[in-house]
Amino acid sequence: MDKNLNILVKKANSGNKEALESIIHEVKDLVYNLSLKMLLFPEDAKDATQEILIRIVTRLSTFKGESRFKTWVYRVATNYLISVKGKKASAFARSFNEYETLIDLGQSNKVTHAQNAGELALLEEEVKVSCTQGLLLCLNPTDRLVYILAEILEFNGKEGAEILGITSTNFRKKLSRSREKIRNFLNNKCGLANTNNPCRCSKKIDFLINQNIINAKGLRFAQFTQRSIDLVHQIEDLEKSVVIYRLSPGIPAPDSIMKKIKETILIK
């Protein structure tokens, strides 16, 4: 795959628009999913993805093949995401203490927004992914990126440091700090990470819908994934805080992103 991408880059830099379009098709989903993990809300992630893809196109000639092309793509993406503040993400972001309060509020054994077992399963999954992804916003942008690259996308320290343009030592320090914060929070609050905790995804459904934090008629995550809630307890070789994130769905970039890029860079 990397070899094919390098060939496409050479063709695109020589003016081949079909090759350029193929490159965008290859990387748009990974850019969108990174943006979504950083910004939580699809609207913010969509805007960020469009900006990042434009940067990739306009800076393609600077790729010298000294690293994997997708590593370079992640570097372009993180350079943008480390400073961007999505409108909805900024409004939702909380400290760890504030997020703890949000977790404790509104837990109920009744679910009025689910009419059957199928709807309940989808809403539970939506809460699980929304809650754990929202928790990432408690980290500052650099620490959040470090955690996403290492724990979720499974880049090693050297690759992660290269993507962020920091030393491997600094990357490891930031990862250790982020990992401890996320692990401690989940172990102290999340019923998936620690069954001794009272919180369950089903108990938060009505509260989060009533607070307009999730939309029962417009699910952001659950439609793209199987029941990862059920899988968490089946995986024993990784700690639960890691499993919870790695089982989150990969979501395809909206078609409108490709349409916008075509209009912007005149691919026909």
C-alpha atoms as a PDB file:
ATOM      1  CA  MET A   1       0.000   0.000   0.000  1.00  0.00           C
ATOM      2  CA  ASP A   2       2.751   2.489   0.901  1.00  0.00           C
ATOM      3  CA  LYS A   3       4.572   1.700  -2.354  1.00  0.00           C
ATOM      4  CA  ASN A   4       1.412   2.325  -4.363  1.00  0.00           C
ATOM      5  CA  LEU A   5       0.838   5.604  -2.540  1.00  0.00           C
ATOM      6  CA  ASN A   6       4.375   6.748  -3.288  1.00  0.00           C
ATOM      7  CA  ILE A   7       3.781   6.033  -6.964  1.00  0.00           C
ATOM      8  CA  LEU A   8       0.532   7.996  -6.842  1.00  0.00           C
ATOM      9  CA  VAL A   9       2.308  10.914  -5.170  1.00  0.00           C
ATOM     10  CA  LYS A  10       4.883  11.071  -7.975  1.00  0.00           C
ATOM     11  CA  LYS A  11       2.129  11.024 -10.584  1.00  0.00           C
ATOM     12  CA  ALA A  12       0.089  13.650  -8.733  1.00  0.00           C
ATOM     13  CA  ASN A  13       3.111  15.937  -8.418  1.00  0.00           C
ATOM     14  CA  SER A  14       3.524  15.627 -12.177  1.00  0.00           C
ATOM     15  CA  GLY A  15       0.010  16.962 -12.696  1.00  0.00           C
ATOM     16  CA  ASN A  16      -2.014  13.750 -12.809  1.00  0.00           C
ATOM     17  CA  LYS A  17      -5.386  14.671 -11.286  1.00  0.00           C
ATOM     18  CA  GLU A  18      -6.641  11.086 -11.222  1.00  0.00           C
ATOM     19  CA  ALA A  19      -3.675  10.130  -9.045  1.00  0.00           C
ATOM     20  CA  LEU A  20      -4.378  13.104  -6.779  1.00  0.00           C
ATOM     21  CA  GLU A  21      -7.998  12.043  -6.390  1.00  0.00           C
ATOM     22  CA  SER A  22      -6.900   8.486  -5.591  1.00  0.00           C
ATOM     23  CA  ILE A  23      -4.602   9.778  -2.846  1.00  0.00           C
ATOM     24  CA  ILE A  24      -7.435  11.729  -1.272  1.00  0.00           C
ATOM     25  CA  HIS A  25      -9.670   8.646  -1.375  1.00  0.00           C
ATOM     26  CA  GLU A  26      -6.939   6.634   0.373  1.00  0.00           C
ATOM     27  CA  VAL A  27      -6.388   9.048   3.266  1.00  0.00           C
ATOM     28  CA  LYS A  28      -9.722  10.822   3.819  1.00  0.00           C
ATOM     29  CA  ASP A  29     -11.093   8.243   6.262  1.00  0.00           C
ATOM     30  CA  LEU A  30      -7.983   8.161   8.456  1.00  0.00           C
ATOM     31  CA  VAL A  31      -7.933  11.981   8.542  1.00  0.00           C
ATOM     32  CA  TYR A  32     -11.636  12.094   9.408  1.00  0.00           C
ATOM     33  CA  ASN A  33     -11.344   9.510  12.173  1.00  0.00           C
ATOM     34  CA  LEU A  34      -8.358  11.273  13.728  1.00  0.00           C
ATOM     35  CA  SER A  35     -10.288  14.556  13.581  1.00  0.00           C
ATOM     36  CA  LEU A  36     -13.342  12.906  15.128  1.00  0.00           C
ATOM     37  CA  LYS A  37     -11.293  11.483  17.994  1.00  0.00           C
ATOM     38  CA  MET A  38      -9.782  14.894  18.608  1.00  0.00           C
ATOM     39  CA  LEU A  39     -12.969  16.946  18.265  1.00  0.00           C
ATOM     40  CA  LEU A  40     -15.783  14.465  19.125  1.00  0.00           C
ATOM     41  CA  PHE A  41     -18.460  16.141  17.013  1.00  0.00           C
ATOM     42  CA  PRO A  42     -18.893  15.189  13.318  1.00  0.00           C
ATOM     43  CA  GLU A  43     -19.556  18.797  12.326  1.00  0.00           C
ATOM     44  CA  ASP A  44     -16.208  19.921  13.738  1.00  0.00           C
ATOM     45  CA  ALA A  45     -14.419  16.838  12.387  1.00  0.00           C
ATOM     46  CA  LYS A  46     -15.847  17.413   8.909  1.00  0.00           C
ATOM     47  CA  ASP A  47     -14.591  21.017   8.802  1.00  0.00           C
ATOM     48  CA  ALA A  48     -11.173  19.963  10.087  1.00  0.00           C
ATOM     49  CA  THR A  49     -10.911  17.106   7.589  1.00  0.00           C
ATOM     50  CA  GLN A  50     -11.621  19.412   4.673  1.00  0.00           C
ATOM     51  CA  GLU A  51      -8.926  21.843   5.802  1.00  0.00           C
ATOM     52  CA  ILE A  52      -6.409  19.044   6.362  1.00  0.00           C
ATOM     53  CA  LEU A  53      -7.054  17.455   2.968  1.00  0.00           C
ATOM     54  CA  ILE A  54      -6.552  20.820   1.282  1.00  0.00           C
ATOM     55  CA  ARG A  55      -3.243  21.184   3.130  1.00  0.00           C
ATOM     56  CA  ILE A  56      -2.211  17.689   2.026  1.00  0.00           C
ATOM     57  CA  VAL A  57      -2.952  18.554  -1.602  1.00  0.00           C
ATOM     58  CA  THR A  58      -1.230  21.941  -1.557  1.00  0.00           C
ATOM     59  CA  ARG A  59       1.846  20.604   0.266  1.00  0.00           C
ATOM     60  CA  LEU A  60       2.127  17.285  -1.552  1.00  0.00           C
ATOM     61  CA  SER A  61       5.282  18.390  -3.347  1.00  0.00           C
ATOM     62  CA  THR A  62       7.056  18.672   0.020  1.00  0.00           C
ATOM     63  CA  PHE A  63       6.749  14.928   0.650  1.00  0.00           C
ATOM     64  CA  LYS A  64      10.226  13.534  -0.054  1.00  0.00           C
ATOM     65  CA  GLY A  65       9.584   9.889   0.723  1.00  0.00           C
ATOM     66  CA  GLU A  66      11.791   9.923   3.817  1.00  0.00           C
ATOM     67  CA  SER A  67       8.952   8.419   5.877  1.00  0.00           C
ATOM     68  CA  ARG A  68       5.821   6.401   5.159  1.00  0.00           C
ATOM     69  CA  PHE A  69       3.320   8.547   3.277  1.00  0.00           C
ATOM     70  CA  LYS A  70       0.590   7.923   5.864  1.00  0.00           C
ATOM     71  CA  THR A  71       3.005   9.028   8.595  1.00  0.00           C
ATOM     72  CA  TRP A  72       3.447  12.271   6.674  1.00  0.00           C
ATOM     73  CA  VAL A  73      -0.340  12.590   6.350  1.00  0.00           C
ATOM     74  CA  TYR A  74      -0.731  12.176  10.095  1.00  0.00           C
ATOM     75  CA  ARG A  75       1.940  14.833  10.616  1.00  0.00           C
ATOM     76  CA  VAL A  76       0.046  17.319   8.431  1.00  0.00           C
ATOM     77  CA  ALA A  77      -3.187  16.423  10.246  1.00  0.00           C
ATOM     78  CA  THR A  78      -1.782  16.755  13.759  1.00  0.00           C
ATOM     79  CA  ASN A  79      -0.115  20.072  12.939  1.00  0.00           C
ATOM     80  CA  TYR A  80      -3.568  21.393  12.144  1.00  0.00           C
ATOM     81  CA  LEU A  81      -5.505  19.636  14.908  1.00  0.00           C
ATOM     82  CA  ILE A  82      -3.148  20.657  17.694  1.00  0.00           C
ATOM     83  CA  SER A  83      -4.296  24.268  17.386  1.00  0.00           C
ATOM     84  CA  VAL A  84      -7.833  24.090  15.983  1.00  0.00           C
ATOM     85  CA  LYS A  85     -10.736  24.487  18.398  1.00  0.00           C
ATOM     86  CA  GLY A  86     -13.955  23.076  17.037  1.00  0.00           C
ATOM     87  CA  LYS A  87     -17.038  25.108  17.952  1.00  0.00           C
ATOM     88  CA  LYS A  88     -18.947  22.228  19.516  1.00  0.00           C
ATOM     89  CA  ALA A  89     -15.847  20.624  20.999  1.00  0.00           C
ATOM     90  CA  SER A  90     -14.880  23.871  22.716  1.00  0.00           C
ATOM     91  CA  ALA A  91     -18.366  24.272  24.176  1.00  0.00           C
ATOM     92  CA  PHE A  92     -18.443  20.680  25.447  1.00  0.00           C
ATOM     93  CA  ALA A  93     -14.867  20.325  26.762  1.00  0.00           C
ATOM     94  CA  ARG A  94     -14.548  19.952  30.531  1.00  0.00           C
ATOM     95  CA  SER A  95     -11.897  19.347  33.156  1.00  0.00           C
ATOM     96  CA  PHE A  96     -11.636  15.830  34.593  1.00  0.00           C
ATOM     97  CA  ASN A  97     -13.435  16.995  37.742  1.00  0.00           C
ATOM     98  CA  GLU A  98     -16.265  18.512  35.716  1.00  0.00           C
ATOM     99  CA  TYR A  99     -16.540  15.374  33.618  1.00  0.00           C
ATOM    100  CA  GLU A 100     -16.759  13.315  36.793  1.00  0.00           C
ATOM    101  CA  THR A 101     -19.754  15.408  37.832  1.00  0.00           C
ATOM    102  CA  LEU A 102     -21.364  14.833  34.425  1.00  0.00           C
ATOM    103  CA  ILE A 103     -20.929  11.079  34.832  1.00  0.00           C
ATOM    104  CA  ASP A 104     -22.607  11.130  38.256  1.00  0.00           C
ATOM    105  CA  LEU A 105     -25.594  13.203  37.152  1.00  0.00           C
ATOM    106  CA  GLY A 106     -28.850  11.741  35.900  1.00  0.00           C
ATOM    107  CA  GLN A 107     -28.239   8.023  36.265  1.00  0.00           C
ATOM    108  CA  SER A 108     -31.523   6.159  35.994  1.00  0.00           C
ATOM    109  CA  ASN A 109     -32.621   2.557  35.659  1.00  0.00           C
ATOM    110  CA  LYS A 110     -35.487   3.688  33.413  1.00  0.00           C
ATOM    111  CA  VAL A 111     -34.979   4.236  29.692  1.00  0.00           C
ATOM    112  CA  THR A 112     -37.934   6.065  28.161  1.00  0.00           C
ATOM    113  CA  HIS A 113     -36.271   6.777  24.805  1.00  0.00           C
ATOM    114  CA  ALA A 114     -35.946   3.106  23.764  1.00  0.00           C
ATOM    115  CA  GLN A 115     -39.035   1.270  22.551  1.00  0.00           C
ATOM    116  CA  ASN A 116     -37.434  -2.151  22.085  1.00  0.00           C
ATOM    117  CA  ALA A 117     -34.253  -4.148  22.684  1.00  0.00           C
ATOM    118  CA  GLY A 118     -32.749  -3.094  19.355  1.00  0.00           C
ATOM    119  CA  GLU A 119     -33.123   0.608  20.101  1.00  0.00           C
ATOM    120  CA  LEU A 120     -31.744   0.091  23.596  1.00  0.00           C
ATOM    121  CA  ALA A 121     -28.661  -1.689  22.238  1.00  0.00           C
ATOM    122  CA  LEU A 122     -27.963   1.143  19.783  1.00  0.00           C
ATOM    123  CA  LEU A 123     -28.426   3.843  22.403  1.00  0.00           C
ATOM    124  CA  GLU A 124     -26.177   2.031  24.876  1.00  0.00           C
ATOM    125  CA  GLU A 125     -23.458   1.859  22.227  1.00  0.00           C
ATOM    126  CA  GLU A 126     -23.949   5.540  21.377  1.00  0.00           C
ATOM    127  CA  VAL A 127     -23.525   6.472  25.042  1.00  0.00           C
ATOM    128  CA  LYS A 128     -20.439   4.270  25.413  1.00  0.00           C
ATOM    129  CA  VAL A 129     -18.599   5.762  22.447  1.00  0.00           C
ATOM    130  CA  SER A 130     -19.774   9.342  23.062  1.00  0.00           C
ATOM    131  CA  CYS A 131     -18.794   9.200  26.727  1.00  0.00           C
ATOM    132  CA  THR A 132     -15.341   7.701  26.257  1.00  0.00           C
ATOM    133  CA  GLN A 133     -14.518   9.909  23.265  1.00  0.00           C
ATOM    134  CA  GLY A 134     -15.755  12.956  25.186  1.00  0.00           C
ATOM    135  CA  LEU A 135     -13.406  12.034  28.012  1.00  0.00           C
ATOM    136  CA  LEU A 136     -10.463  12.627  25.662  1.00  0.00           C
ATOM    137  CA  LEU A 137     -11.407  16.309  25.531  1.00  0.00           C
ATOM    138  CA  CYS A 138     -10.343  16.562  29.179  1.00  0.00           C
ATOM    139  CA  LEU A 139      -6.736  16.243  27.975  1.00  0.00           C
ATOM    140  CA  ASN A 140      -4.939  19.221  26.474  1.00  0.00           C
ATOM    141  CA  PRO A 141      -4.577  18.946  22.661  1.00  0.00           C
ATOM    142  CA  THR A 142      -0.983  17.664  22.634  1.00  0.00           C
ATOM    143  CA  ASP A 143      -1.551  15.057  25.325  1.00  0.00           C
ATOM    144  CA  ARG A 144      -4.777  14.035  23.591  1.00  0.00           C
ATOM    145  CA  LEU A 145      -2.953  13.490  20.310  1.00  0.00           C
ATOM    146  CA  VAL A 146      -0.244  11.492  22.045  1.00  0.00           C
ATOM    147  CA  TYR A 147      -2.843   9.241  23.653  1.00  0.00           C
ATOM    148  CA  ILE A 148      -4.749   8.762  20.391  1.00  0.00           C
ATOM    149  CA  LEU A 149      -1.620   7.975  18.373  1.00  0.00           C
ATOM    150  CA  ALA A 150      -0.164   5.525  20.888  1.00  0.00           C
ATOM    151  CA  GLU A 151      -3.081   3.875  22.686  1.00  0.00           C
ATOM    152  CA  ILE A 152      -5.776   3.909  20.005  1.00  0.00           C
ATOM    153  CA  LEU A 153      -3.928   3.956  16.670  1.00  0.00           C
ATOM    154  CA  GLU A 154      -1.010   1.935  18.119  1.00  0.00           C
ATOM    155  CA  PHE A 155       1.908   3.975  16.797  1.00  0.00           C
ATOM    156  CA  ASN A 156       5.131   3.232  18.650  1.00  0.00           C
ATOM    157  CA  GLY A 157       7.020   5.964  20.476  1.00  0.00           C
ATOM    158  CA  LYS A 158       9.398   6.658  17.615  1.00  0.00           C
ATOM    159  CA  GLU A 159       6.628   6.992  15.025  1.00  0.00           C
ATOM    160  CA  GLY A 160       4.447   9.063  17.339  1.00  0.00           C
ATOM    161  CA  ALA A 161       7.311  11.407  18.133  1.00  0.00           C
ATOM    162  CA  GLU A 162       8.058  11.789  14.421  1.00  0.00           C
ATOM    163  CA  ILE A 163       4.434  12.636  13.664  1.00  0.00           C
ATOM    164  CA  LEU A 164       4.265  15.296  16.384  1.00  0.00           C
ATOM    165  CA  GLY A 165       7.774  16.620  15.829  1.00  0.00           C
ATOM    166  CA  ILE A 166       8.915  16.004  19.407  1.00  0.00           C
ATOM    167  CA  THR A 167      11.563  13.780  20.939  1.00  0.00           C
ATOM    168  CA  SER A 168      10.801  10.151  21.759  1.00  0.00           C
ATOM    169  CA  THR A 169      11.542  10.891  25.406  1.00  0.00           C
ATOM    170  CA  ASN A 170       9.029  13.738  25.459  1.00  0.00           C
ATOM    171  CA  PHE A 171       6.460  11.575  23.676  1.00  0.00           C
ATOM    172  CA  ARG A 172       6.828   8.805  26.258  1.00  0.00           C
ATOM    173  CA  LYS A 173       6.482  11.276  29.144  1.00  0.00           C
ATOM    174  CA  LYS A 174       3.327  12.764  27.681  1.00  0.00           C
ATOM    175  CA  LEU A 175       1.924   9.295  26.982  1.00  0.00           C
ATOM    176  CA  SER A 176       2.589   8.164  30.540  1.00  0.00           C
ATOM    177  CA  ARG A 177       0.807  11.234  31.899  1.00  0.00           C
ATOM    178  CA  SER A 178      -2.183  10.911  29.555  1.00  0.00           C
ATOM    179  CA  ARG A 179      -2.478   7.175  30.066  1.00  0.00           C
ATOM    180  CA  GLU A 180      -2.530   7.569  33.838  1.00  0.00           C
ATOM    181  CA  LYS A 181      -5.247  10.241  33.726  1.00  0.00           C
ATOM    182  CA  ILE A 182      -7.514   8.260  31.405  1.00  0.00           C
ATOM    183  CA  ARG A 183      -6.923   4.949  33.186  1.00  0.00           C
ATOM    184  CA  ASN A 184      -7.570   6.415  36.629  1.00  0.00           C
ATOM    185  CA  PHE A 185     -10.751   8.135  35.504  1.00  0.00           C
ATOM    186  CA  LEU A 186     -12.195   5.028  33.844  1.00  0.00           C
ATOM    187  CA  ASN A 187     -11.188   2.744  36.687  1.00  0.00           C
ATOM    188  CA  ASN A 188     -12.836   5.096  39.191  1.00  0.00           C
ATOM    189  CA  LYS A 189     -15.986   5.908  37.217  1.00  0.00           C
ATOM    190  CA  CYS A 190     -16.707   3.605  34.278  1.00  0.00           C
ATOM    191  CA  GLY A 191     -18.643   0.396  34.806  1.00  0.00           C
ATOM    192  CA  LEU A 192     -17.083  -1.108  31.700  1.00  0.00           C
ATOM    193  CA  ALA A 193     -13.549  -0.580  32.959  1.00  0.00           C
ATOM    194  CA  ASN A 194     -14.394  -1.627  36.498  1.00  0.00           C
ATOM    195  CA  THR A 195     -17.607  -3.517  37.250  1.00  0.00           C
ATOM    196  CA  ASN A 196     -17.514  -2.246  40.852  1.00  0.00           C
ATOM    197  CA  ASN A 197     -18.463   1.208  39.545  1.00  0.00           C
ATOM    198  CA  PRO A 198     -22.228   1.873  39.498  1.00  0.00           C
ATOM    199  CA  CYS A 199     -22.310   3.707  36.154  1.00  0.00           C
ATOM    200  CA  ARG A 200     -23.719   1.773  33.208  1.00  0.00           C
ATOM    201  CA  CYS A 201     -24.245   3.092  29.695  1.00  0.00           C
ATOM    202  CA  SER A 202     -27.969   2.315  29.837  1.00  0.00           C
ATOM    203  CA  LYS A 203     -28.373   4.441  32.974  1.00  0.00           C
ATOM    204  CA  LYS A 204     -27.143   7.552  31.153  1.00  0.00           C
ATOM    205  CA  ILE A 205     -29.301   7.286  28.031  1.00  0.00           C
ATOM    206  CA  ASP A 206     -32.258   9.439  29.064  1.00  0.00           C
ATOM    207  CA  PHE A 207     -30.130  12.089  30.772  1.00  0.00           C
ATOM    208  CA  LEU A 208     -27.767  12.548  27.815  1.00  0.00           C
ATOM    209  CA  ILE A 209     -30.661  12.704  25.348  1.00  0.00           C
ATOM    210  CA  ASN A 210     -32.553  15.208  27.507  1.00  0.00           C
ATOM    211  CA  GLN A 211     -29.373  17.313  27.769  1.00  0.00           C
ATOM    212  CA  ASN A 212     -28.998  17.204  23.943  1.00  0.00           C
ATOM    213  CA  ILE A 213     -25.595  15.590  24.310  1.00  0.00           C
ATOM    214  CA  ILE A 214     -26.686  12.641  22.172  1.00  0.00           C
ATOM    215  CA  ASN A 215     -29.463  12.560  19.597  1.00  0.00           C
ATOM    216  CA  ALA A 216     -31.640   9.446  19.550  1.00  0.00           C
ATOM    217  CA  LYS A 217     -32.735  10.244  15.981  1.00  0.00           C
ATOM    218  CA  GLY A 218     -29.276  11.082  14.677  1.00  0.00           C
ATOM    219  CA  LEU A 219     -26.727   8.691  16.122  1.00  0.00           C
ATOM    220  CA  ARG A 220     -23.110   9.712  15.519  1.00  0.00           C
ATOM    221  CA  PHE A 221     -21.333   6.433  16.286  1.00  0.00           C
ATOM    222  CA  ALA A 222     -23.554   3.421  16.986  1.00  0.00           C
ATOM    223  CA  GLN A 223     -24.661   2.915  13.396  1.00  0.00           C
ATOM    224  CA  PHE A 224     -21.063   2.207  12.370  1.00  0.00           C
ATOM    225  CA  THR A 225     -20.183  -0.421  14.951  1.00  0.00           C
ATOM    226  CA  GLN A 226     -21.181  -3.751  16.363  1.00  0.00           C
ATOM    227  CA  ARG A 227     -21.824  -4.032  20.079  1.00  0.00           C
ATOM    228  CA  SER A 228     -18.356  -3.165  21.367  1.00  0.00           C
ATOM    229  CA  ILE A 229     -19.850  -3.020  24.874  1.00  0.00           C
ATOM    230  CA  ASP A 230     -20.258  -6.804  24.769  1.00  0.00           C
ATOM    231  CA  LEU A 231     -16.728  -7.313  23.452  1.00  0.00           C
ATOM    232  CA  VAL A 232     -14.951  -5.334  26.180  1.00  0.00           C
ATOM    233  CA  HIS A 233     -15.313  -8.109  28.747  1.00  0.00           C
ATOM    234  CA  GLN A 234     -14.208 -10.797  26.288  1.00  0.00           C
ATOM    235  CA  ILE A 235     -10.705  -9.400  25.771  1.00  0.00           C
ATOM    236  CA  GLU A 236      -8.406 -10.251  28.641  1.00  0.00           C
ATOM    237  CA  ASP A 237      -4.893  -9.554  27.327  1.00  0.00           C
ATOM    238  CA  LEU A 238      -5.234  -5.750  27.446  1.00  0.00           C
ATOM    239  CA  GLU A 239      -6.381  -3.501  30.265  1.00  0.00           C
ATOM    240  CA  LYS A 240      -9.973  -2.381  29.938  1.00  0.00           C
ATOM    241  CA  SER A 241      -9.184   1.315  29.477  1.00  0.00           C
ATOM    242  CA  VAL A 242      -7.276   0.460  26.293  1.00  0.00           C
ATOM    243  CA  VAL A 243      -9.842  -2.046  25.012  1.00  0.00           C
ATOM    244  CA  ILE A 244     -12.662   0.467  25.412  1.00  0.00           C
ATOM    245  CA  TYR A 245     -10.973   2.846  22.978  1.00  0.00           C
ATOM    246  CA  ARG A 246      -9.588   0.352  20.482  1.00  0.00           C
ATOM    247  CA  LEU A 247     -13.040  -1.157  19.994  1.00  0.00           C
ATOM    248  CA  SER A 248     -14.507   2.205  18.995  1.00  0.00           C
ATOM    249  CA  PRO A 249     -15.747   2.218  15.406  1.00  0.00           C
ATOM    250  CA  GLY A 250     -13.913   3.417  12.345  1.00  0.00           C
ATOM    251  CA  ILE A 251     -16.283   5.822  10.622  1.00  0.00           C
ATOM    252  CA  PRO A 252     -16.224   6.645   6.902  1.00  0.00           C
ATOM    253  CA  ALA A 253     -15.744  10.276   6.001  1.00  0.00           C
ATOM    254  CA  PRO A 254     -18.973  11.913   4.771  1.00  0.00           C
ATOM    255  CA  ASP A 255     -19.341  11.993   0.992  1.00  0.00           C
ATOM    256  CA  SER A 256     -19.749  15.761   1.143  1.00  0.00           C
ATOM    257  CA  ILE A 257     -16.075  16.086   2.108  1.00  0.00           C
ATOM    258  CA  MET A 258     -14.905  14.596  -1.176  1.00  0.00           C
ATOM    259  CA  LYS A 259     -17.362  16.769  -3.073  1.00  0.00           C
ATOM    260  CA  LYS A 260     -16.016  19.882  -1.350  1.00  0.00           C
ATOM    261  CA  ILE A 261     -12.411  18.935  -2.042  1.00  0.00           C
ATOM    262  CA  LYS A 262     -13.196  18.354  -5.709  1.00  0.00           C
ATOM    263  CA  GLU A 263     -14.809  21.778  -5.930  1.00  0.00           C
ATOM    264  CA  THR A 264     -11.900  23.412  -4.109  1.00  0.00           C
ATOM    265  CA  ILE A 265      -8.991  21.864  -6.028  1.00  0.00           C
ATOM    266  CA  LEU A 266     -10.854  21.443  -9.308  1.00  0.00           C
ATOM    267  CA  ILE A 267     -10.617  17.664  -9.626  1.00  0.00           C
ATOM    268  CA  LYS A 268     -12.913  16.627 -12.490  1.00  0.00           C
END
